[in-house]
Amino acid sequence: QEQLVESGGGLVLAGGSLSLSCAAPESIFSRSTMGWYRQAPGKQRELVATNTVHGRKTYADSVKGRFTISRDNAKNTVSLQMTNLKPEDTAVYYCNAKGYGIFWGRGSQVTVSS
């Protein structure tokens, strides 16, 4: 059974913006650091951003200043706002929950065309 349900992503020109959203069951969301990872073709999965239960945020250096992670504790969702997108941001983006267990979404494709 899918625990994390992602939405968003798509195709955009370089310099454009996209957003991703991830919904989780309250039993998972309330106990987890929520994050986004991405995996480009031929590369390892890498951390993009995380947001702890207490609201502490971390970002990969490559996305600082361009991406914003936020969590809505009332809706049990975490989102990733992506601006000034670059072709190198092209990847499958995965939602992640890490707390009393580790859970992954199915992945959402983000393609940035130059």
PDB file of N, CA and C in Angstrom:
ATOM      1  N   GLN A   1       0.839  -1.181   0.000  1.00  0.00           N
ATOM      2  CA  GLN A   1       0.000   0.000   0.000  1.00  0.00           C
ATOM      3  C   GLN A   1       0.878   1.236   0.000  1.00  0.00           C
ATOM      4  N   GLU A   2       0.558   2.138  -0.906  1.00  0.00           N
ATOM      5  CA  GLU A   2       1.355   3.343  -1.041  1.00  0.00           C
ATOM      6  C   GLU A   2       1.102   4.244   0.159  1.00  0.00           C
ATOM      7  N   GLN A   3       2.183   4.629   0.841  1.00  0.00           N
ATOM      8  CA  GLN A   3       2.050   5.455   2.024  1.00  0.00           C
ATOM      9  C   GLN A   3       2.198   6.930   1.723  1.00  0.00           C
ATOM     10  N   LEU A   4       3.120   7.244   0.833  1.00  0.00           N
ATOM     11  CA  LEU A   4       3.380   8.627   0.464  1.00  0.00           C
ATOM     12  C   LEU A   4       2.885   8.840  -0.954  1.00  0.00           C
ATOM     13  N   VAL A   5       2.017   9.806  -1.129  1.00  0.00           N
ATOM     14  CA  VAL A   5       1.414  10.071  -2.432  1.00  0.00           C
ATOM     15  C   VAL A   5       1.890  11.426  -2.935  1.00  0.00           C
ATOM     16  N   GLU A   6       2.598  11.394  -4.052  1.00  0.00           N
ATOM     17  CA  GLU A   6       3.182  12.602  -4.621  1.00  0.00           C
ATOM     18  C   GLU A   6       2.294  13.155  -5.730  1.00  0.00           C
ATOM     19  N   SER A   7       2.435  14.451  -5.960  1.00  0.00           N
ATOM     20  CA  SER A   7       1.786  15.097  -7.095  1.00  0.00           C
ATOM     21  C   SER A   7       2.656  16.259  -7.529  1.00  0.00           C
ATOM     22  N   GLY A   8       2.441  16.681  -8.774  1.00  0.00           N
ATOM     23  CA  GLY A   8       3.219  17.783  -9.305  1.00  0.00           C
ATOM     24  C   GLY A   8       4.309  17.303 -10.238  1.00  0.00           C
ATOM     25  N   GLY A   9       5.261  18.190 -10.487  1.00  0.00           N
ATOM     26  CA  GLY A   9       6.328  17.894 -11.423  1.00  0.00           C
ATOM     27  C   GLY A   9       5.890  18.205 -12.844  1.00  0.00           C
ATOM     28  N   GLY A  10       6.686  17.737 -13.806  1.00  0.00           N
ATOM     29  CA  GLY A  10       6.357  17.959 -15.203  1.00  0.00           C
ATOM     30  C   GLY A  10       7.528  18.494 -15.991  1.00  0.00           C
ATOM     31  N   LEU A  11       7.195  19.178 -17.068  1.00  0.00           N
ATOM     32  CA  LEU A  11       8.203  19.708 -17.994  1.00  0.00           C
ATOM     33  C   LEU A  11       8.169  21.230 -17.970  1.00  0.00           C
ATOM     34  N   VAL A  12       9.352  21.838 -17.908  1.00  0.00           N
ATOM     35  CA  VAL A  12       9.434  23.289 -17.863  1.00  0.00           C
ATOM     36  C   VAL A  12      10.708  23.750 -18.558  1.00  0.00           C
ATOM     37  N   LEU A  13      10.704  24.950 -19.063  1.00  0.00           N
ATOM     38  CA  LEU A  13      11.907  25.528 -19.648  1.00  0.00           C
ATOM     39  C   LEU A  13      12.850  26.007 -18.554  1.00  0.00           C
ATOM     40  N   ALA A  14      14.122  26.019 -18.866  1.00  0.00           N
ATOM     41  CA  ALA A  14      15.105  26.522 -17.919  1.00  0.00           C
ATOM     42  C   ALA A  14      14.725  27.924 -17.461  1.00  0.00           C
ATOM     43  N   GLY A  15      14.864  28.159 -16.168  1.00  0.00           N
ATOM     44  CA  GLY A  15      14.469  29.425 -15.583  1.00  0.00           C
ATOM     45  C   GLY A  15      13.058  29.424 -15.040  1.00  0.00           C
ATOM     46  N   GLY A  16      12.308  28.403 -15.358  1.00  0.00           N
ATOM     47  CA  GLY A  16      10.928  28.311 -14.912  1.00  0.00           C
ATOM     48  C   GLY A  16      10.798  27.728 -13.522  1.00  0.00           C
ATOM     49  N   SER A  17       9.541  27.514 -13.126  1.00  0.00           N
ATOM     50  CA  SER A  17       9.236  27.028 -11.786  1.00  0.00           C
ATOM     51  C   SER A  17       8.293  25.836 -11.835  1.00  0.00           C
ATOM     52  N   LEU A  18       8.425  24.983 -10.854  1.00  0.00           N
ATOM     53  CA  LEU A  18       7.527  23.851 -10.676  1.00  0.00           C
ATOM     54  C   LEU A  18       7.375  23.607  -9.183  1.00  0.00           C
ATOM     55  N   SER A  19       6.335  22.868  -8.839  1.00  0.00           N
ATOM     56  CA  SER A  19       6.171  22.483  -7.446  1.00  0.00           C
ATOM     57  C   SER A  19       5.813  21.020  -7.341  1.00  0.00           C
ATOM     58  N   LEU A  20       6.188  20.445  -6.215  1.00  0.00           N
ATOM     59  CA  LEU A  20       5.873  19.061  -5.886  1.00  0.00           C
ATOM     60  C   LEU A  20       5.167  19.046  -4.540  1.00  0.00           C
ATOM     61  N   SER A  21       4.264  18.102  -4.367  1.00  0.00           N
ATOM     62  CA  SER A  21       3.591  17.945  -3.099  1.00  0.00           C
ATOM     63  C   SER A  21       3.535  16.470  -2.741  1.00  0.00           C
ATOM     64  N   CYS A  22       3.529  16.198  -1.452  1.00  0.00           N
ATOM     65  CA  CYS A  22       3.509  14.820  -0.966  1.00  0.00           C
ATOM     66  C   CYS A  22       2.592  14.737   0.241  1.00  0.00           C
ATOM     67  N   ALA A  23       1.648  13.817   0.193  1.00  0.00           N
ATOM     68  CA  ALA A  23       0.720  13.605   1.301  1.00  0.00           C
ATOM     69  C   ALA A  23       1.060  12.304   2.008  1.00  0.00           C
ATOM     70  N   ALA A  24       1.003  12.332   3.322  1.00  0.00           N
ATOM     71  CA  ALA A  24       1.325  11.154   4.121  1.00  0.00           C
ATOM     72  C   ALA A  24       0.253  10.935   5.180  1.00  0.00           C
ATOM     73  N   PRO A  25       0.098   9.702   5.636  1.00  0.00           N
ATOM     74  CA  PRO A  25      -0.803   9.458   6.767  1.00  0.00           C
ATOM     75  C   PRO A  25      -0.305  10.217   7.999  1.00  0.00           C
ATOM     76  N   GLU A  26      -1.236  10.672   8.816  1.00  0.00           N
ATOM     77  CA  GLU A  26      -0.854  11.446   9.991  1.00  0.00           C
ATOM     78  C   GLU A  26       0.070  10.662  10.900  1.00  0.00           C
ATOM     79  N   SER A  27      -0.124   9.359  11.001  1.00  0.00           N
ATOM     80  CA  SER A  27       0.699   8.524  11.880  1.00  0.00           C
ATOM     81  C   SER A  27       2.153   8.523  11.453  1.00  0.00           C
ATOM     82  N   ILE A  28       2.408   8.711  10.202  1.00  0.00           N
ATOM     83  CA  ILE A  28       3.781   8.794   9.691  1.00  0.00           C
ATOM     84  C   ILE A  28       4.271  10.235   9.734  1.00  0.00           C
ATOM     85  N   PHE A  29       3.459  11.145   9.207  1.00  0.00           N
ATOM     86  CA  PHE A  29       3.876  12.534   9.051  1.00  0.00           C
ATOM     87  C   PHE A  29       4.270  13.172  10.369  1.00  0.00           C
ATOM     88  N   SER A  30       3.481  12.951  11.396  1.00  0.00           N
ATOM     89  CA  SER A  30       3.696  13.640  12.673  1.00  0.00           C
ATOM     90  C   SER A  30       4.962  13.186  13.390  1.00  0.00           C
ATOM     91  N   ARG A  31       5.538  12.078  12.951  1.00  0.00           N
ATOM     92  CA  ARG A  31       6.700  11.520  13.639  1.00  0.00           C
ATOM     93  C   ARG A  31       7.960  11.550  12.781  1.00  0.00           C
ATOM     94  N   SER A  32       7.852  12.153  11.594  1.00  0.00           N
ATOM     95  CA  SER A  32       8.933  11.996  10.624  1.00  0.00           C
ATOM     96  C   SER A  32       9.548  13.308  10.172  1.00  0.00           C
ATOM     97  N   THR A  33      10.827  13.225   9.908  1.00  0.00           N
ATOM     98  CA  THR A  33      11.453  14.245   9.082  1.00  0.00           C
ATOM     99  C   THR A  33      11.026  13.966   7.658  1.00  0.00           C
ATOM    100  N   MET A  34      10.466  14.959   7.004  1.00  0.00           N
ATOM    101  CA  MET A  34      10.010  14.802   5.631  1.00  0.00           C
ATOM    102  C   MET A  34      11.061  15.391   4.699  1.00  0.00           C
ATOM    103  N   GLY A  35      11.255  14.757   3.577  1.00  0.00           N
ATOM    104  CA  GLY A  35      12.283  15.246   2.675  1.00  0.00           C
ATOM    105  C   GLY A  35      12.002  14.915   1.228  1.00  0.00           C
ATOM    106  N   TRP A  36      12.824  15.498   0.390  1.00  0.00           N
ATOM    107  CA  TRP A  36      12.793  15.217  -1.043  1.00  0.00           C
ATOM    108  C   TRP A  36      14.188  14.798  -1.485  1.00  0.00           C
ATOM    109  N   TYR A  37      14.229  13.755  -2.274  1.00  0.00           N
ATOM    110  CA  TYR A  37      15.450  13.269  -2.886  1.00  0.00           C
ATOM    111  C   TYR A  37      15.222  13.259  -4.391  1.00  0.00           C
ATOM    112  N   ARG A  38      16.310  13.158  -5.129  1.00  0.00           N
ATOM    113  CA  ARG A  38      16.152  13.049  -6.583  1.00  0.00           C
ATOM    114  C   ARG A  38      17.200  12.112  -7.154  1.00  0.00           C
ATOM    115  N   GLN A  39      16.866  11.545  -8.294  1.00  0.00           N
ATOM    116  CA  GLN A  39      17.784  10.637  -8.977  1.00  0.00           C
ATOM    117  C   GLN A  39      17.741  10.917 -10.462  1.00  0.00           C
ATOM    118  N   ALA A  40      18.868  11.357 -10.973  1.00  0.00           N
ATOM    119  CA  ALA A  40      19.009  11.598 -12.403  1.00  0.00           C
ATOM    120  C   ALA A  40      19.475  10.319 -13.083  1.00  0.00           C
ATOM    121  N   PRO A  41      19.239  10.186 -14.377  1.00  0.00           N
ATOM    122  CA  PRO A  41      19.660   8.975 -15.091  1.00  0.00           C
ATOM    123  C   PRO A  41      21.152   8.716 -14.919  1.00  0.00           C
ATOM    124  N   GLY A  42      21.486   7.505 -14.549  1.00  0.00           N
ATOM    125  CA  GLY A  42      22.881   7.127 -14.398  1.00  0.00           C
ATOM    126  C   GLY A  42      23.562   7.635 -13.140  1.00  0.00           C
ATOM    127  N   LYS A  43      22.796   8.265 -12.262  1.00  0.00           N
ATOM    128  CA  LYS A  43      23.382   8.821 -11.034  1.00  0.00           C
ATOM    129  C   LYS A  43      22.694   8.234  -9.806  1.00  0.00           C
ATOM    130  N   GLN A  44      23.365   8.397  -8.673  1.00  0.00           N
ATOM    131  CA  GLN A  44      22.791   7.927  -7.422  1.00  0.00           C
ATOM    132  C   GLN A  44      21.725   8.899  -6.918  1.00  0.00           C
ATOM    133  N   ARG A  45      20.835   8.363  -6.126  1.00  0.00           N
ATOM    134  CA  ARG A  45      19.821   9.205  -5.506  1.00  0.00           C
ATOM    135  C   ARG A  45      20.509  10.156  -4.533  1.00  0.00           C
ATOM    136  N   GLU A  46      20.094  11.422  -4.554  1.00  0.00           N
ATOM    137  CA  GLU A  46      20.725  12.417  -3.695  1.00  0.00           C
ATOM    138  C   GLU A  46      19.680  13.223  -2.935  1.00  0.00           C
ATOM    139  N   LEU A  47      20.101  13.703  -1.785  1.00  0.00           N
ATOM    140  CA  LEU A  47      19.227  14.526  -0.962  1.00  0.00           C
ATOM    141  C   LEU A  47      19.039  15.894  -1.601  1.00  0.00           C
ATOM    142  N   VAL A  48      17.800  16.367  -1.602  1.00  0.00           N
ATOM    143  CA  VAL A  48      17.504  17.710  -2.084  1.00  0.00           C
ATOM    144  C   VAL A  48      17.213  18.640  -0.905  1.00  0.00           C
ATOM    145  N   ALA A  49      16.283  18.235  -0.046  1.00  0.00           N
ATOM    146  CA  ALA A  49      15.899  19.081   1.084  1.00  0.00           C
ATOM    147  C   ALA A  49      15.171  18.239   2.120  1.00  0.00           C
ATOM    148  N   THR A  50      15.285  18.655   3.384  1.00  0.00           N
ATOM    149  CA  THR A  50      14.540  18.009   4.457  1.00  0.00           C
ATOM    150  C   THR A  50      13.911  19.052   5.362  1.00  0.00           C
ATOM    151  N   ASN A  51      12.874  18.631   6.065  1.00  0.00           N
ATOM    152  CA  ASN A  51      12.159  19.503   6.992  1.00  0.00           C
ATOM    153  C   ASN A  51      11.746  18.668   8.184  1.00  0.00           C
ATOM    154  N   THR A  52      12.324  18.951   9.338  1.00  0.00           N
ATOM    155  CA  THR A  52      12.046  18.131  10.515  1.00  0.00           C
ATOM    156  C   THR A  52      10.678  18.449  11.118  1.00  0.00           C
ATOM    157  N   VAL A  53      10.285  17.647  12.068  1.00  0.00           N
ATOM    158  CA  VAL A  53       9.029  17.856  12.791  1.00  0.00           C
ATOM    159  C   VAL A  53       9.008  19.235  13.440  1.00  0.00           C
ATOM    160  N   HIS A  54      10.171  19.697  13.868  1.00  0.00           N
ATOM    161  CA  HIS A  54      10.268  20.994  14.536  1.00  0.00           C
ATOM    162  C   HIS A  54      10.504  22.149  13.572  1.00  0.00           C
ATOM    163  N   GLY A  55      10.485  21.854  12.263  1.00  0.00           N
ATOM    164  CA  GLY A  55      10.577  22.917  11.282  1.00  0.00           C
ATOM    165  C   GLY A  55      11.965  23.280  10.825  1.00  0.00           C
ATOM    166  N   ARG A  56      12.962  22.502  11.258  1.00  0.00           N
ATOM    167  CA  ARG A  56      14.320  22.778  10.803  1.00  0.00           C
ATOM    168  C   ARG A  56      14.479  22.288   9.366  1.00  0.00           C
ATOM    169  N   LYS A  57      15.024  23.141   8.516  1.00  0.00           N
ATOM    170  CA  LYS A  57      15.162  22.821   7.096  1.00  0.00           C
ATOM    171  C   LYS A  57      16.629  22.724   6.699  1.00  0.00           C
ATOM    172  N   THR A  58      16.914  21.793   5.814  1.00  0.00           N
ATOM    173  CA  THR A  58      18.248  21.685   5.232  1.00  0.00           C
ATOM    174  C   THR A  58      18.098  21.546   3.720  1.00  0.00           C
ATOM    175  N   TYR A  59      19.104  22.009   3.005  1.00  0.00           N
ATOM    176  CA  TYR A  59      19.090  21.972   1.545  1.00  0.00           C
ATOM    177  C   TYR A  59      20.441  21.527   1.010  1.00  0.00           C
ATOM    178  N   ALA A  60      20.400  20.846  -0.119  1.00  0.00           N
ATOM    179  CA  ALA A  60      21.629  20.575  -0.849  1.00  0.00           C
ATOM    180  C   ALA A  60      22.180  21.904  -1.358  1.00  0.00           C
ATOM    181  N   ASP A  61      23.482  22.015  -1.416  1.00  0.00           N
ATOM    182  CA  ASP A  61      24.102  23.261  -1.871  1.00  0.00           C
ATOM    183  C   ASP A  61      23.619  23.636  -3.272  1.00  0.00           C
ATOM    184  N   SER A  62      23.372  22.641  -4.087  1.00  0.00           N
ATOM    185  CA  SER A  62      23.006  22.887  -5.479  1.00  0.00           C
ATOM    186  C   SER A  62      21.630  23.533  -5.650  1.00  0.00           C
ATOM    187  N   VAL A  63      20.804  23.491  -4.612  1.00  0.00           N
ATOM    188  CA  VAL A  63      19.453  24.042  -4.734  1.00  0.00           C
ATOM    189  C   VAL A  63      19.194  25.207  -3.786  1.00  0.00           C
ATOM    190  N   LYS A  64      20.149  25.512  -2.931  1.00  0.00           N
ATOM    191  CA  LYS A  64      19.964  26.615  -1.981  1.00  0.00           C
ATOM    192  C   LYS A  64      19.652  27.911  -2.714  1.00  0.00           C
ATOM    193  N   GLY A  65      18.659  28.614  -2.206  1.00  0.00           N
ATOM    194  CA  GLY A  65      18.272  29.876  -2.817  1.00  0.00           C
ATOM    195  C   GLY A  65      17.288  29.720  -3.961  1.00  0.00           C
ATOM    196  N   ARG A  66      17.089  28.494  -4.429  1.00  0.00           N
ATOM    197  CA  ARG A  66      16.160  28.259  -5.546  1.00  0.00           C
ATOM    198  C   ARG A  66      14.966  27.386  -5.144  1.00  0.00           C
ATOM    199  N   PHE A  67      15.185  26.453  -4.247  1.00  0.00           N
ATOM    200  CA  PHE A  67      14.135  25.533  -3.816  1.00  0.00           C
ATOM    201  C   PHE A  67      13.720  25.860  -2.382  1.00  0.00           C
ATOM    202  N   THR A  68      12.445  25.646  -2.102  1.00  0.00           N
ATOM    203  CA  THR A  68      11.924  25.850  -0.753  1.00  0.00           C
ATOM    204  C   THR A  68      11.075  24.661  -0.347  1.00  0.00           C
ATOM    205  N   ILE A  69      11.430  24.056   0.777  1.00  0.00           N
ATOM    206  CA  ILE A  69      10.626  22.957   1.311  1.00  0.00           C
ATOM    207  C   ILE A  69       9.745  23.510   2.427  1.00  0.00           C
ATOM    208  N   SER A  70       8.522  23.005   2.490  1.00  0.00           N
ATOM    209  CA  SER A  70       7.630  23.433   3.562  1.00  0.00           C
ATOM    210  C   SER A  70       6.685  22.296   3.902  1.00  0.00           C
ATOM    211  N   ARG A  71       6.276  22.249   5.148  1.00  0.00           N
ATOM    212  CA  ARG A  71       5.347  21.222   5.571  1.00  0.00           C
ATOM    213  C   ARG A  71       4.117  21.867   6.181  1.00  0.00           C
ATOM    214  N   ASP A  72       2.975  21.273   5.886  1.00  0.00           N
ATOM    215  CA  ASP A  72       1.697  21.735   6.429  1.00  0.00           C
ATOM    216  C   ASP A  72       1.233  20.668   7.417  1.00  0.00           C
ATOM    217  N   ASN A  73       1.411  20.953   8.680  1.00  0.00           N
ATOM    218  CA  ASN A  73       1.099  19.965   9.705  1.00  0.00           C
ATOM    219  C   ASN A  73      -0.403  19.717   9.843  1.00  0.00           C
ATOM    220  N   ALA A  74      -1.216  20.629   9.379  1.00  0.00           N
ATOM    221  CA  ALA A  74      -2.662  20.438   9.440  1.00  0.00           C
ATOM    222  C   ALA A  74      -3.141  19.490   8.342  1.00  0.00           C
ATOM    223  N   LYS A  75      -2.437  19.521   7.220  1.00  0.00           N
ATOM    224  CA  LYS A  75      -2.840  18.693   6.080  1.00  0.00           C
ATOM    225  C   LYS A  75      -1.948  17.472   5.889  1.00  0.00           C
ATOM    226  N   ASN A  76      -0.909  17.360   6.715  1.00  0.00           N
ATOM    227  CA  ASN A  76       0.028  16.233   6.606  1.00  0.00           C
ATOM    228  C   ASN A  76       0.658  16.163   5.219  1.00  0.00           C
ATOM    229  N   THR A  77       1.081  17.310   4.746  1.00  0.00           N
ATOM    230  CA  THR A  77       1.712  17.379   3.435  1.00  0.00           C
ATOM    231  C   THR A  77       3.044  18.121   3.514  1.00  0.00           C
ATOM    232  N   VAL A  78       3.913  17.776   2.612  1.00  0.00           N
ATOM    233  CA  VAL A  78       5.173  18.482   2.452  1.00  0.00           C
ATOM    234  C   VAL A  78       5.292  18.858   0.981  1.00  0.00           C
ATOM    235  N   SER A  79       5.752  20.064   0.734  1.00  0.00           N
ATOM    236  CA  SER A  79       5.861  20.522  -0.640  1.00  0.00           C
ATOM    237  C   SER A  79       7.270  21.009  -0.942  1.00  0.00           C
ATOM    238  N   LEU A  80       7.579  21.063  -2.208  1.00  0.00           N
ATOM    239  CA  LEU A  80       8.871  21.565  -2.656  1.00  0.00           C
ATOM    240  C   LEU A  80       8.597  22.555  -3.780  1.00  0.00           C
ATOM    241  N   GLN A  81       8.870  23.815  -3.519  1.00  0.00           N
ATOM    242  CA  GLN A  81       8.744  24.853  -4.524  1.00  0.00           C
ATOM    243  C   GLN A  81      10.090  25.028  -5.210  1.00  0.00           C
ATOM    244  N   MET A  82      10.114  24.890  -6.520  1.00  0.00           N
ATOM    245  CA  MET A  82      11.364  24.943  -7.267  1.00  0.00           C
ATOM    246  C   MET A  82      11.316  26.115  -8.243  1.00  0.00           C
ATOM    247  N   THR A  83      12.263  27.012  -8.115  1.00  0.00           N
ATOM    248  CA  THR A  83      12.335  28.170  -9.002  1.00  0.00           C
ATOM    249  C   THR A  83      13.683  28.209  -9.701  1.00  0.00           C
ATOM    250  N   ASN A  84      13.764  29.041 -10.732  1.00  0.00           N
ATOM    251  CA  ASN A  84      14.998  29.176 -11.509  1.00  0.00           C
ATOM    252  C   ASN A  84      15.583  27.797 -11.830  1.00  0.00           C
ATOM    253  N   LEU A  85      14.745  26.947 -12.367  1.00  0.00           N
ATOM    254  CA  LEU A  85      15.162  25.566 -12.635  1.00  0.00           C
ATOM    255  C   LEU A  85      16.205  25.518 -13.738  1.00  0.00           C
ATOM    256  N   LYS A  86      17.105  24.558 -13.591  1.00  0.00           N
ATOM    257  CA  LYS A  86      18.199  24.360 -14.541  1.00  0.00           C
ATOM    258  C   LYS A  86      18.098  22.968 -15.152  1.00  0.00           C
ATOM    259  N   PRO A  87      18.666  22.771 -16.329  1.00  0.00           N
ATOM    260  CA  PRO A  87      18.615  21.426 -16.933  1.00  0.00           C
ATOM    261  C   PRO A  87      19.176  20.346 -16.010  1.00  0.00           C
ATOM    262  N   GLU A  88      20.163  20.701 -15.208  1.00  0.00           N
ATOM    263  CA  GLU A  88      20.751  19.710 -14.294  1.00  0.00           C
ATOM    264  C   GLU A  88      19.829  19.342 -13.132  1.00  0.00           C
ATOM    265  N   ASP A  89      18.696  20.017 -13.011  1.00  0.00           N
ATOM    266  CA  ASP A  89      17.698  19.638 -12.012  1.00  0.00           C
ATOM    267  C   ASP A  89      16.807  18.510 -12.520  1.00  0.00           C
ATOM    268  N   THR A  90      16.950  18.160 -13.770  1.00  0.00           N
ATOM    269  CA  THR A  90      16.150  17.080 -14.343  1.00  0.00           C
ATOM    270  C   THR A  90      16.419  15.768 -13.615  1.00  0.00           C
ATOM    271  N   ALA A  91      15.364  15.159 -13.113  1.00  0.00           N
ATOM    272  CA  ALA A  91      15.496  13.932 -12.335  1.00  0.00           C
ATOM    273  C   ALA A  91      14.104  13.436 -11.944  1.00  0.00           C
ATOM    274  N   VAL A  92      14.084  12.243 -11.393  1.00  0.00           N
ATOM    275  CA  VAL A  92      12.882  11.764 -10.712  1.00  0.00           C
ATOM    276  C   VAL A  92      13.017  12.182  -9.252  1.00  0.00           C
ATOM    277  N   TYR A  93      12.003  12.863  -8.748  1.00  0.00           N
ATOM    278  CA  TYR A  93      12.015  13.364  -7.377  1.00  0.00           C
ATOM    279  C   TYR A  93      11.158  12.463  -6.495  1.00  0.00           C
ATOM    280  N   TYR A  94      11.733  12.084  -5.361  1.00  0.00           N
ATOM    281  CA  TYR A  94      11.065  11.164  -4.447  1.00  0.00           C
ATOM    282  C   TYR A  94      10.797  11.838  -3.106  1.00  0.00           C
ATOM    283  N   CYS A  95       9.594  11.676  -2.632  1.00  0.00           N
ATOM    284  CA  CYS A  95       9.246  12.102  -1.288  1.00  0.00           C
ATOM    285  C   CYS A  95       9.739  11.048  -0.304  1.00  0.00           C
ATOM    286  N   ASN A  96      10.202  11.486   0.851  1.00  0.00           N
ATOM    287  CA  ASN A  96      10.749  10.574   1.854  1.00  0.00           C
ATOM    288  C   ASN A  96      10.264  10.970   3.236  1.00  0.00           C
ATOM    289  N   ALA A  97       9.944   9.971   4.030  1.00  0.00           N
ATOM    290  CA  ALA A  97       9.605  10.188   5.432  1.00  0.00           C
ATOM    291  C   ALA A  97      10.527   9.316   6.266  1.00  0.00           C
ATOM    292  N   LYS A  98      11.178   9.922   7.251  1.00  0.00           N
ATOM    293  CA  LYS A  98      12.118   9.183   8.084  1.00  0.00           C
ATOM    294  C   LYS A  98      11.817   9.478   9.537  1.00  0.00           C
ATOM    295  N   GLY A  99      11.393   8.436  10.255  1.00  0.00           N
ATOM    296  CA  GLY A  99      11.070   8.628  11.663  1.00  0.00           C
ATOM    297  C   GLY A  99      11.132   7.281  12.360  1.00  0.00           C
ATOM    298  N   TYR A 100       9.982   6.714  12.644  1.00  0.00           N
ATOM    299  CA  TYR A 100       9.938   5.363  13.200  1.00  0.00           C
ATOM    300  C   TYR A 100      10.069   4.310  12.114  1.00  0.00           C
ATOM    301  N   GLY A 101      10.160   4.737  10.915  1.00  0.00           N
ATOM    302  CA  GLY A 101      10.380   3.889   9.751  1.00  0.00           C
ATOM    303  C   GLY A 101      10.818   4.776   8.612  1.00  0.00           C
ATOM    304  N   ILE A 102      11.122   4.182   7.505  1.00  0.00           N
ATOM    305  CA  ILE A 102      11.511   4.948   6.326  1.00  0.00           C
ATOM    306  C   ILE A 102      10.530   4.619   5.212  1.00  0.00           C
ATOM    307  N   PHE A 103       9.969   5.660   4.625  1.00  0.00           N
ATOM    308  CA  PHE A 103       8.973   5.482   3.582  1.00  0.00           C
ATOM    309  C   PHE A 103       9.341   6.336   2.371  1.00  0.00           C
ATOM    310  N   TRP A 104       8.983   5.826   1.202  1.00  0.00           N
ATOM    311  CA  TRP A 104       9.272   6.521  -0.051  1.00  0.00           C
ATOM    312  C   TRP A 104       8.015   6.645  -0.897  1.00  0.00           C
ATOM    313  N   GLY A 105       7.937   7.748  -1.627  1.00  0.00           N
ATOM    314  CA  GLY A 105       6.928   7.869  -2.658  1.00  0.00           C
ATOM    315  C   GLY A 105       7.388   7.170  -3.918  1.00  0.00           C
ATOM    316  N   ARG A 106       6.508   7.126  -4.914  1.00  0.00           N
ATOM    317  CA  ARG A 106       6.823   6.434  -6.157  1.00  0.00           C
ATOM    318  C   ARG A 106       7.749   7.242  -7.055  1.00  0.00           C
ATOM    319  N   GLY A 107       7.789   8.519  -6.849  1.00  0.00           N
ATOM    320  CA  GLY A 107       8.638   9.381  -7.675  1.00  0.00           C
ATOM    321  C   GLY A 107       7.842  10.195  -8.678  1.00  0.00           C
ATOM    322  N   SER A 108       8.297  11.411  -8.904  1.00  0.00           N
ATOM    323  CA  SER A 108       7.673  12.305  -9.878  1.00  0.00           C
ATOM    324  C   SER A 108       8.747  12.849 -10.811  1.00  0.00           C
ATOM    325  N   GLN A 109       8.472  12.800 -12.081  1.00  0.00           N
ATOM    326  CA  GLN A 109       9.465  13.262 -13.056  1.00  0.00           C
ATOM    327  C   GLN A 109       9.462  14.774 -13.145  1.00  0.00           C
ATOM    328  N   VAL A 110      10.641  15.345 -13.082  1.00  0.00           N
ATOM    329  CA  VAL A 110      10.845  16.774 -13.346  1.00  0.00           C
ATOM    330  C   VAL A 110      11.840  16.879 -14.481  1.00  0.00           C
ATOM    331  N   THR A 111      11.433  17.521 -15.556  1.00  0.00           N
ATOM    332  CA  THR A 111      12.291  17.685 -16.722  1.00  0.00           C
ATOM    333  C   THR A 111      12.436  19.165 -17.025  1.00  0.00           C
ATOM    334  N   VAL A 112      13.677  19.616 -17.088  1.00  0.00           N
ATOM    335  CA  VAL A 112      13.965  21.020 -17.379  1.00  0.00           C
ATOM    336  C   VAL A 112      14.672  21.086 -18.723  1.00  0.00           C
ATOM    337  N   SER A 113      14.036  21.750 -19.657  1.00  0.00           N
ATOM    338  CA  SER A 113      14.572  21.850 -21.015  1.00  0.00           C
ATOM    339  C   SER A 113      15.351  23.150 -21.187  1.00  0.00           C
ATOM    340  N   SER A 114      16.468  23.048 -21.862  1.00  0.00           N
ATOM    341  CA  SER A 114      17.295  24.246 -22.079  1.00  0.00           C
ATOM    342  C   SER A 114      16.861  25.004 -23.312  1.00  0.00           C
TER     343      SER A 114
END
